[in-house]
């Protein structure tokens, strides 16, 4: 159970969207690779052993995604994979289309590659539940040539899902490529790349129980893209990234992918029930709180809850033994409110009063009970302090 992983302080871990606890299978595979010596590019026996671990991980990840091993490029994580995808695709002629609620790894990369050409970047809006508004797409494809459409499968802050089917169909008919940042989706819901039909997909191991610092880019065979590696040198990973392969991390990624795939349906259903219990418990205990994206399909283990007038940082500080988040972990400390919630029409005050709870494979019913108690008490404590300081 999640709380047993930190017995010293008995933490209730509800921050899987930031990083998931390392699965035992991934830990075993990572340690086994760390205890072995050998560069996966070396031709001697130890090098071949390291290469075999990498090959096994490719097969394991390909099994989870239903793709060919030759379509997988290992990276340092989804941020690098996103950069590779957008930089290579934008090297084709045309505009780059994405959404207003993407992760900063997409939005900042998109702004960087289109710098000096502001008209080449198009951001699709979302509705009040965070669902992408697809109505502008037809006009965009009629009015301009598009190089790439990049839309995330699941939002990292709200868990809101996007059905890519109409996007892929329209983009391909217009001659554009489609990329998806599937960082929060892979290992939590089924991915069948034969059905999904995107050209590129990014993922990160630590979101589904693998080690941090390793991920992958799926690049569909036959997709015509110029190499735009961020690191140049030895030409590893078919020229897409140079540098000695992170064999231990890759082995852990593969093991986590296989473990997640074996229990995908049962874990998704169980975690969905726990998320629902968390929301029911908090809405009953904290009148007036609101669930963001509740009207849209969402990931099974994610809930974004606004406690109006209660600063999220104060609520989190008042429940030190519950690990949750006030937004994207990659944006923590940022002086601006959540761009996702603002795009959904929330006020800055509401965005600053929102806590994200995210559950996963190791979350228990007891974790939820303790999380509800702690959050309700924390909100009451913050409310009391605010009321006291407001008195004349």
Protein backbone atom coordinates (compact mmCIF):
# COMPACT_ATOMS: atom_id res chain seq x y z
CA UNK A 1 0.00 0.00 0.00
CA UNK A 2 1.14 3.55 -0.75
CA UNK A 3 1.38 4.64 2.90
CA UNK A 4 3.66 1.69 3.72
CA UNK A 5 6.25 3.01 1.28
CA UNK A 6 7.03 5.87 3.64
CA UNK A 7 6.64 4.22 7.04
CA UNK A 8 8.74 6.87 8.76
CA UNK A 9 6.09 9.57 8.21
CA UNK A 10 3.11 7.45 7.13
CA UNK A 11 2.37 9.48 4.00
CA UNK A 12 -0.86 9.02 2.06
CA UNK A 13 0.34 9.28 -1.54
CA UNK A 14 -2.21 10.86 -3.88
CA UNK A 15 0.10 12.46 -6.43
CA UNK A 16 0.45 9.84 -9.18
CA UNK A 17 0.23 12.45 -11.94
CA UNK A 18 3.47 13.91 -10.61
CA UNK A 19 5.14 10.51 -10.38
CA UNK A 20 3.94 7.02 -9.56
CA UNK A 21 5.62 4.80 -6.98
CA UNK A 22 8.12 2.44 -8.57
CA UNK A 23 6.50 -0.91 -9.32
CA UNK A 24 8.29 -3.89 -7.72
CA UNK A 25 8.82 -5.41 -11.17
CA UNK A 26 10.46 -2.20 -12.38
CA UNK A 27 12.67 -2.02 -9.30
CA UNK A 28 13.85 -5.59 -9.82
CA UNK A 29 14.62 -5.01 -13.50
CA UNK A 30 16.41 -1.72 -12.81
CA UNK A 31 18.54 -3.19 -10.04
CA UNK A 32 19.44 -6.23 -12.14
CA UNK A 33 20.64 -3.94 -14.94
CA UNK A 34 22.54 -1.71 -12.51
CA UNK A 35 24.31 -4.77 -11.12
CA UNK A 36 25.48 -5.71 -14.61
CA UNK A 37 28.25 -3.97 -16.52
CA UNK A 38 28.19 -3.35 -20.25
CA UNK A 39 27.49 -0.66 -22.84
CA UNK A 40 24.58 -1.68 -25.07
CA UNK A 41 26.63 -0.58 -28.09
CA UNK A 42 29.63 -2.81 -27.24
CA UNK A 43 30.13 -5.99 -29.21
CA UNK A 44 31.48 -8.18 -26.41
CA UNK A 45 29.38 -10.52 -24.28
CA UNK A 46 28.61 -7.95 -21.57
CA UNK A 47 27.59 -5.38 -24.17
CA UNK A 48 25.33 -7.90 -25.84
CA UNK A 49 23.75 -8.65 -22.46
CA UNK A 50 22.99 -4.95 -22.00
CA UNK A 51 21.60 -4.76 -25.53
CA UNK A 52 19.40 -7.75 -24.78
CA UNK A 53 17.88 -5.91 -21.81
CA UNK A 54 17.11 -2.95 -24.07
CA UNK A 55 15.60 -5.22 -26.73
CA UNK A 56 13.43 -6.91 -24.10
CA UNK A 57 12.18 -3.53 -22.90
CA UNK A 58 11.29 -2.54 -26.47
CA UNK A 59 9.23 -5.68 -26.80
CA UNK A 60 7.50 -5.05 -23.47
CA UNK A 61 6.62 -1.46 -24.36
CA UNK A 62 5.58 -2.43 -27.88
CA UNK A 63 3.26 -5.01 -26.34
CA UNK A 64 1.60 -2.37 -24.19
CA UNK A 65 1.15 0.00 -27.15
CA UNK A 66 0.49 -2.59 -29.89
CA UNK A 67 3.22 -1.32 -32.18
CA UNK A 68 6.46 -2.58 -33.69
CA UNK A 69 9.69 -2.51 -31.67
CA UNK A 70 11.27 -0.61 -34.55
CA UNK A 71 8.85 2.26 -33.98
CA UNK A 72 10.12 3.00 -30.45
CA UNK A 73 12.83 5.56 -29.68
CA UNK A 74 13.99 5.64 -26.07
CA UNK A 75 14.44 9.11 -24.57
CA UNK A 76 15.05 10.74 -21.19
CA UNK A 77 11.31 11.23 -20.76
CA UNK A 78 8.21 12.71 -22.36
CA UNK A 79 9.65 16.23 -22.43
CA UNK A 80 12.46 15.13 -24.73
CA UNK A 81 10.06 13.00 -26.77
CA UNK A 82 7.73 16.00 -27.19
CA UNK A 83 10.63 18.19 -28.27
CA UNK A 84 11.81 15.62 -30.81
CA UNK A 85 8.32 15.24 -32.25
CA UNK A 86 7.47 18.93 -32.56
CA UNK A 87 10.88 20.06 -33.81
CA UNK A 88 11.02 17.36 -36.47
CA UNK A 89 7.44 17.80 -37.62
CA UNK A 90 7.65 21.58 -37.78
CA UNK A 91 10.67 21.24 -40.07
CA UNK A 92 8.06 20.27 -42.68
CA UNK A 93 6.30 23.28 -44.14
CA UNK A 94 3.09 24.35 -42.46
CA UNK A 95 1.52 25.48 -39.22
CA UNK A 96 1.58 23.77 -35.84
CA UNK A 97 -1.82 23.22 -34.20
CA UNK A 98 -2.20 22.31 -30.54
CA UNK A 99 -4.50 23.17 -27.63
CA UNK A 100 -4.60 25.81 -24.93
CA UNK A 101 -4.42 23.18 -22.17
CA UNK A 102 -1.34 21.20 -23.20
CA UNK A 103 1.52 20.49 -20.82
CA UNK A 104 4.28 23.14 -20.86
CA UNK A 105 6.54 20.59 -22.56
CA UNK A 106 4.29 21.01 -25.61
CA UNK A 107 3.30 24.67 -25.33
CA UNK A 108 6.79 25.99 -24.65
CA UNK A 109 8.32 23.83 -27.37
CA UNK A 110 5.64 24.95 -29.82
CA UNK A 111 6.35 28.60 -29.00
CA UNK A 112 10.09 28.02 -29.35
CA UNK A 113 9.92 26.36 -32.77
CA UNK A 114 7.50 28.97 -34.14
CA UNK A 115 9.39 31.93 -32.68
CA UNK A 116 9.34 34.78 -35.14
CA UNK A 117 6.37 33.19 -36.92
CA UNK A 118 3.49 33.73 -34.47
CA UNK A 119 0.87 33.02 -37.12
CA UNK A 120 2.27 29.50 -37.49
CA UNK A 121 1.05 28.46 -34.03
CA UNK A 122 -2.67 27.82 -33.55
CA UNK A 123 -4.15 26.99 -30.14
CA UNK A 124 -7.52 25.24 -30.04
CA UNK A 125 -9.79 26.39 -27.17
CA UNK A 126 -11.59 24.17 -24.67
CA UNK A 127 -15.03 24.35 -23.09
CA UNK A 128 -15.87 24.74 -19.41
CA UNK A 129 -15.19 21.05 -18.75
CA UNK A 130 -11.83 21.15 -20.51
CA UNK A 131 -12.96 19.29 -23.62
CA UNK A 132 -11.19 20.43 -26.80
CA UNK A 133 -13.33 22.51 -29.16
CA UNK A 134 -12.89 20.87 -32.56
CA UNK A 135 -15.13 23.26 -34.48
CA UNK A 136 -12.25 25.50 -35.67
CA UNK A 137 -10.33 22.55 -37.18
CA UNK A 138 -12.10 22.44 -40.55
CA UNK A 139 -11.51 26.13 -41.10
CA UNK A 140 -7.86 25.84 -40.07
CA UNK A 141 -7.26 23.06 -42.59
CA UNK A 142 -9.06 25.01 -45.34
CA UNK A 143 -7.20 28.24 -44.72
CA UNK A 144 -3.62 27.04 -44.28
CA UNK A 145 -1.22 24.17 -44.68
CA UNK A 146 -0.70 22.35 -41.40
CA UNK A 147 2.46 20.40 -40.61
CA UNK A 148 1.41 18.89 -37.28
CA UNK A 149 -1.54 18.65 -34.91
CA UNK A 150 -0.51 17.82 -31.33
CA UNK A 151 -3.26 17.05 -28.81
CA UNK A 152 -2.82 15.27 -25.48
CA UNK A 153 -4.80 12.12 -24.76
CA UNK A 154 -5.36 13.02 -21.10
CA UNK A 155 -4.86 16.33 -19.34
CA UNK A 156 -2.31 16.23 -16.54
CA UNK A 157 -4.23 18.61 -14.26
CA UNK A 158 -7.87 17.61 -14.71
CA UNK A 159 -7.59 14.13 -16.22
CA UNK A 160 -9.98 15.15 -19.03
CA UNK A 161 -9.69 12.80 -22.02
CA UNK A 162 -9.68 13.69 -25.72
CA UNK A 163 -11.12 11.46 -28.42
CA UNK A 164 -8.47 11.73 -31.11
CA UNK A 165 -10.44 9.87 -33.80
CA UNK A 166 -11.98 12.93 -35.52
CA UNK A 167 -8.74 14.88 -35.14
CA UNK A 168 -6.64 12.15 -36.76
CA UNK A 169 -9.13 11.71 -39.59
CA UNK A 170 -9.30 15.42 -40.41
CA UNK A 171 -5.56 15.95 -40.08
CA UNK A 172 -4.60 13.02 -42.28
CA UNK A 173 -7.10 14.06 -44.94
CA UNK A 174 -5.39 17.46 -44.94
CA UNK A 175 -1.92 15.93 -45.18
CA UNK A 176 -0.92 16.82 -41.61
CA UNK A 177 0.78 14.56 -39.08
CA UNK A 178 -0.71 13.91 -35.63
CA UNK A 179 1.23 13.71 -32.37
CA UNK A 180 -0.17 13.01 -28.93
CA UNK A 181 1.37 13.57 -25.54
CA UNK A 182 0.12 10.40 -23.86
CA UNK A 183 2.18 10.84 -20.71
CA UNK A 184 -0.74 10.51 -18.29
CA UNK A 185 -2.65 7.96 -20.36
CA UNK A 186 -0.19 5.15 -21.08
CA UNK A 187 -0.32 2.41 -18.45
CA UNK A 188 -3.65 3.64 -17.09
CA UNK A 189 -6.01 3.05 -20.02
CA UNK A 190 -5.54 0.80 -23.08
CA UNK A 191 -3.55 2.16 -26.03
CA UNK A 192 -3.82 0.41 -29.40
CA UNK A 193 -1.73 2.31 -31.92
CA UNK A 194 -3.30 0.40 -34.80
CA UNK A 195 -6.64 1.91 -33.80
CA UNK A 196 -5.38 5.28 -32.55
CA UNK A 197 -3.54 5.83 -35.84
CA UNK A 198 -1.42 8.78 -34.63
CA UNK A 199 1.96 9.31 -36.24
CA UNK A 200 3.85 10.12 -33.05
CA UNK A 201 3.23 9.50 -29.34
CA UNK A 202 5.22 10.54 -26.26
CA UNK A 203 5.36 8.82 -22.88
CA UNK A 204 7.31 8.80 -19.64
CA UNK A 205 8.03 5.70 -17.54
CA UNK A 206 7.57 7.26 -14.11
CA UNK A 207 3.89 7.98 -14.71
CA UNK A 208 3.03 4.26 -14.79
CA UNK A 209 5.44 2.90 -12.19
CA UNK A 210 8.76 2.92 -14.01
CA UNK A 211 11.88 4.86 -13.01
CA UNK A 212 12.24 8.61 -13.48
CA UNK A 213 14.42 9.97 -16.25
CA UNK A 214 13.43 7.60 -19.06
CA UNK A 215 10.66 7.65 -21.65
CA UNK A 216 9.98 6.99 -25.29
CA UNK A 217 8.76 8.43 -28.56
CA UNK A 218 6.65 6.29 -30.86
CA UNK A 219 7.35 7.15 -34.49
CA UNK A 220 5.16 5.28 -36.94
CA UNK A 221 7.06 3.38 -39.60
CA UNK A 222 6.92 5.15 -42.94
CA UNK A 223 6.39 8.61 -41.45
CA UNK A 224 8.61 11.01 -43.36
CA UNK A 225 10.38 13.27 -40.88
CA UNK A 226 13.83 14.88 -40.91
CA UNK A 227 16.07 13.97 -37.98
CA UNK A 228 16.16 16.80 -35.47
CA UNK A 229 18.02 15.27 -32.51
CA UNK A 230 18.48 17.46 -29.44
CA UNK A 231 21.78 15.68 -28.76
CA UNK A 232 24.19 14.82 -31.54
CA UNK A 233 27.12 12.48 -31.39
CA UNK A 234 27.09 8.72 -31.74
CA UNK A 235 23.84 8.41 -33.65
CA UNK A 236 22.10 6.11 -31.18
CA UNK A 237 18.40 5.23 -31.48
CA UNK A 238 18.53 5.32 -35.28
CA UNK A 239 20.01 8.80 -35.22
CA UNK A 240 17.26 10.35 -33.11
CA UNK A 241 19.31 10.82 -29.93
CA UNK A 242 23.01 10.43 -29.23
CA UNK A 243 24.46 9.08 -26.00
CA UNK A 244 24.98 5.80 -24.21
CA UNK A 245 21.65 4.14 -23.58
CA UNK A 246 20.27 4.27 -20.04
CA UNK A 247 20.05 0.48 -19.83
CA UNK A 248 18.85 0.34 -16.22
CA UNK A 249 16.15 2.95 -16.77
CA UNK A 250 15.02 1.35 -20.02
CA UNK A 251 14.84 -2.07 -18.37
CA UNK A 252 12.70 -0.58 -15.61
CA UNK A 253 10.45 1.09 -18.16
CA UNK A 254 9.90 -2.21 -19.95
CA UNK A 255 9.12 -4.08 -16.77
CA UNK A 256 6.66 -1.39 -15.65
CA UNK A 257 4.97 -1.45 -19.07
CA UNK A 258 4.52 -5.21 -18.92
CA UNK A 259 3.24 -5.11 -15.33
CA UNK A 260 0.80 -2.30 -16.12
CA UNK A 261 -0.50 -4.12 -19.18
CA UNK A 262 -1.23 -7.32 -17.26
CA UNK A 263 -3.62 -5.56 -14.86
CA UNK A 264 -4.79 -2.62 -16.95
CA UNK A 265 -8.53 -3.33 -16.94
CA UNK A 266 -8.81 -4.32 -13.28
CA UNK A 267 -6.59 -1.47 -12.07
CA UNK A 268 -8.53 1.10 -14.08
CA UNK A 269 -11.88 -0.04 -12.69
CA UNK A 270 -10.60 -0.21 -9.10
CA UNK A 271 -8.91 3.19 -9.25
CA UNK A 272 -12.02 4.73 -10.82
CA UNK A 273 -14.09 3.51 -7.88
CA UNK A 274 -11.58 4.98 -5.43
CA UNK A 275 -11.57 8.33 -7.26
CA UNK A 276 -15.36 8.42 -7.10
CA UNK A 277 -15.24 7.66 -3.37
CA UNK A 278 -12.78 10.50 -2.86
CA UNK A 279 -15.03 12.95 -4.69
CA UNK A 280 -18.17 11.82 -2.88
CA UNK A 281 -16.39 12.08 0.46
CA UNK A 282 -15.00 15.55 -0.15
CA UNK A 283 -18.15 17.06 -1.64
CA UNK A 284 -20.06 15.78 1.40
CA UNK A 285 -17.53 17.08 3.91
CA UNK A 286 -16.66 20.37 2.19
CA UNK A 287 -19.84 22.11 0.97
CA UNK A 288 -19.27 24.35 -2.02
CA UNK A 289 -16.22 22.59 -3.40
CA UNK A 290 -16.30 21.97 -7.16
CA UNK A 291 -14.87 19.22 -9.35
CA UNK A 292 -13.25 20.50 -12.51
CA UNK A 293 -14.02 18.59 -15.70
CA UNK A 294 -16.72 16.48 -14.06
CA UNK A 295 -18.90 16.69 -17.17
CA UNK A 296 -16.24 15.23 -19.47
CA UNK A 297 -14.69 11.74 -19.70
CA UNK A 298 -11.69 11.63 -17.38
CA UNK A 299 -8.81 9.39 -16.39
CA UNK A 300 -9.93 6.94 -13.71
CA UNK A 301 -7.60 8.21 -10.99
CA UNK A 302 -7.57 12.01 -11.30
CA UNK A 303 -9.68 14.71 -9.71
CA UNK A 304 -9.16 18.46 -9.70
CA UNK A 305 -11.12 20.07 -6.88
CA UNK A 306 -11.61 23.78 -6.26
CA UNK A 307 -12.14 24.88 -2.66
CA UNK A 308 -13.39 28.45 -3.27
CA UNK A 309 -11.54 31.06 -1.27
CA UNK A 310 -9.12 28.53 0.22
CA UNK A 311 -5.58 29.02 -1.18
CA UNK A 312 -4.34 25.65 -2.39
CA UNK A 313 -0.88 26.11 -0.94
CA UNK A 314 -2.38 26.74 2.48
CA UNK A 315 -4.63 23.67 2.22
CA UNK A 316 -1.68 21.50 1.21
CA UNK A 317 0.44 22.88 4.05
CA UNK A 318 -2.36 22.04 6.50
CA UNK A 319 -2.30 18.36 5.48
CA UNK A 320 1.45 17.59 5.51
CA UNK A 321 0.98 13.83 5.52
CA UNK A 322 -1.06 13.78 2.32
CA UNK A 323 0.90 14.08 -0.92
CA UNK A 324 -1.23 15.99 -3.44
CA UNK A 325 -0.59 18.92 -5.75
CA UNK A 326 -1.82 22.41 -6.55
CA UNK A 327 -1.41 21.74 -10.29
CA UNK A 328 1.25 20.34 -12.59
CA UNK A 329 4.38 19.30 -10.72
CA UNK A 330 6.39 20.61 -13.68
CA UNK A 331 4.97 24.08 -13.06
CA UNK A 332 5.17 24.16 -9.27
CA UNK A 333 6.48 27.42 -7.95
CA UNK A 334 5.29 29.28 -11.03
CA UNK A 335 3.90 32.74 -10.18
CA UNK A 336 0.99 32.40 -12.60
CA UNK A 337 -2.19 30.37 -12.00
CA UNK A 338 -2.97 27.19 -13.91
CA UNK A 339 -3.25 27.93 -17.63
CA UNK A 340 -5.47 24.85 -17.90
CA UNK A 341 -8.08 26.15 -15.46
CA UNK A 342 -7.95 29.65 -16.93
CA UNK A 343 -8.57 28.20 -20.40
CA UNK A 344 -11.60 26.42 -18.94
CA UNK A 345 -13.00 29.78 -17.83
CA UNK A 346 -12.09 29.59 -14.16
CA UNK A 347 -11.11 32.79 -12.36
CA UNK A 348 -7.59 33.31 -11.09
CA UNK A 349 -8.85 33.01 -7.50
CA UNK A 350 -10.49 29.67 -8.27
CA UNK A 351 -7.36 28.43 -10.04
CA UNK A 352 -5.32 29.38 -6.99
CA UNK A 353 -7.78 27.45 -4.80
CA UNK A 354 -7.58 24.14 -6.65
CA UNK A 355 -5.95 20.91 -5.50
CA UNK A 356 -5.24 17.93 -7.73
CA UNK A 357 -5.49 14.45 -6.24
CA UNK A 358 -4.24 11.60 -8.41
CA UNK A 359 -4.49 7.90 -7.61
CA UNK A 360 -2.90 4.79 -9.04
CA UNK A 361 -2.08 1.11 -8.86
CA UNK A 362 -0.95 1.19 -5.22
CA UNK A 363 -3.77 3.35 -3.79
CA UNK A 364 -6.00 1.70 -1.19
CA UNK A 365 -9.45 2.35 0.24
CA UNK A 366 -7.76 3.32 3.49
CA UNK A 367 -5.67 5.92 1.64
CA UNK A 368 -8.90 7.49 0.37
CA UNK A 369 -10.51 7.54 3.79
CA UNK A 370 -7.47 9.19 5.32
CA UNK A 371 -7.15 11.60 2.40
CA UNK A 372 -10.77 12.74 2.73
CA UNK A 373 -10.39 13.27 6.48
CA UNK A 374 -7.15 15.19 6.10
CA UNK A 375 -8.37 17.41 3.26
CA UNK A 376 -11.66 18.24 4.97
CA UNK A 377 -9.85 19.11 8.18
CA UNK A 378 -7.26 21.16 6.29
CA UNK A 379 -9.93 23.23 4.54
CA UNK A 380 -11.69 23.82 7.86
CA UNK A 381 -8.41 24.88 9.43
CA UNK A 382 -7.60 27.31 6.62
CA UNK A 383 -11.13 28.71 6.70
CA UNK A 384 -10.84 29.31 10.44
CA UNK A 385 -7.48 31.09 10.08
CA UNK A 386 -8.78 33.27 7.24
CA UNK A 387 -11.88 34.16 9.22
CA UNK A 388 -9.79 35.07 12.26
CA UNK A 389 -7.43 37.30 10.29
CA UNK A 390 -10.37 39.00 8.59
CA UNK A 391 -11.91 40.08 11.90
CA UNK A 392 -11.39 43.76 12.81
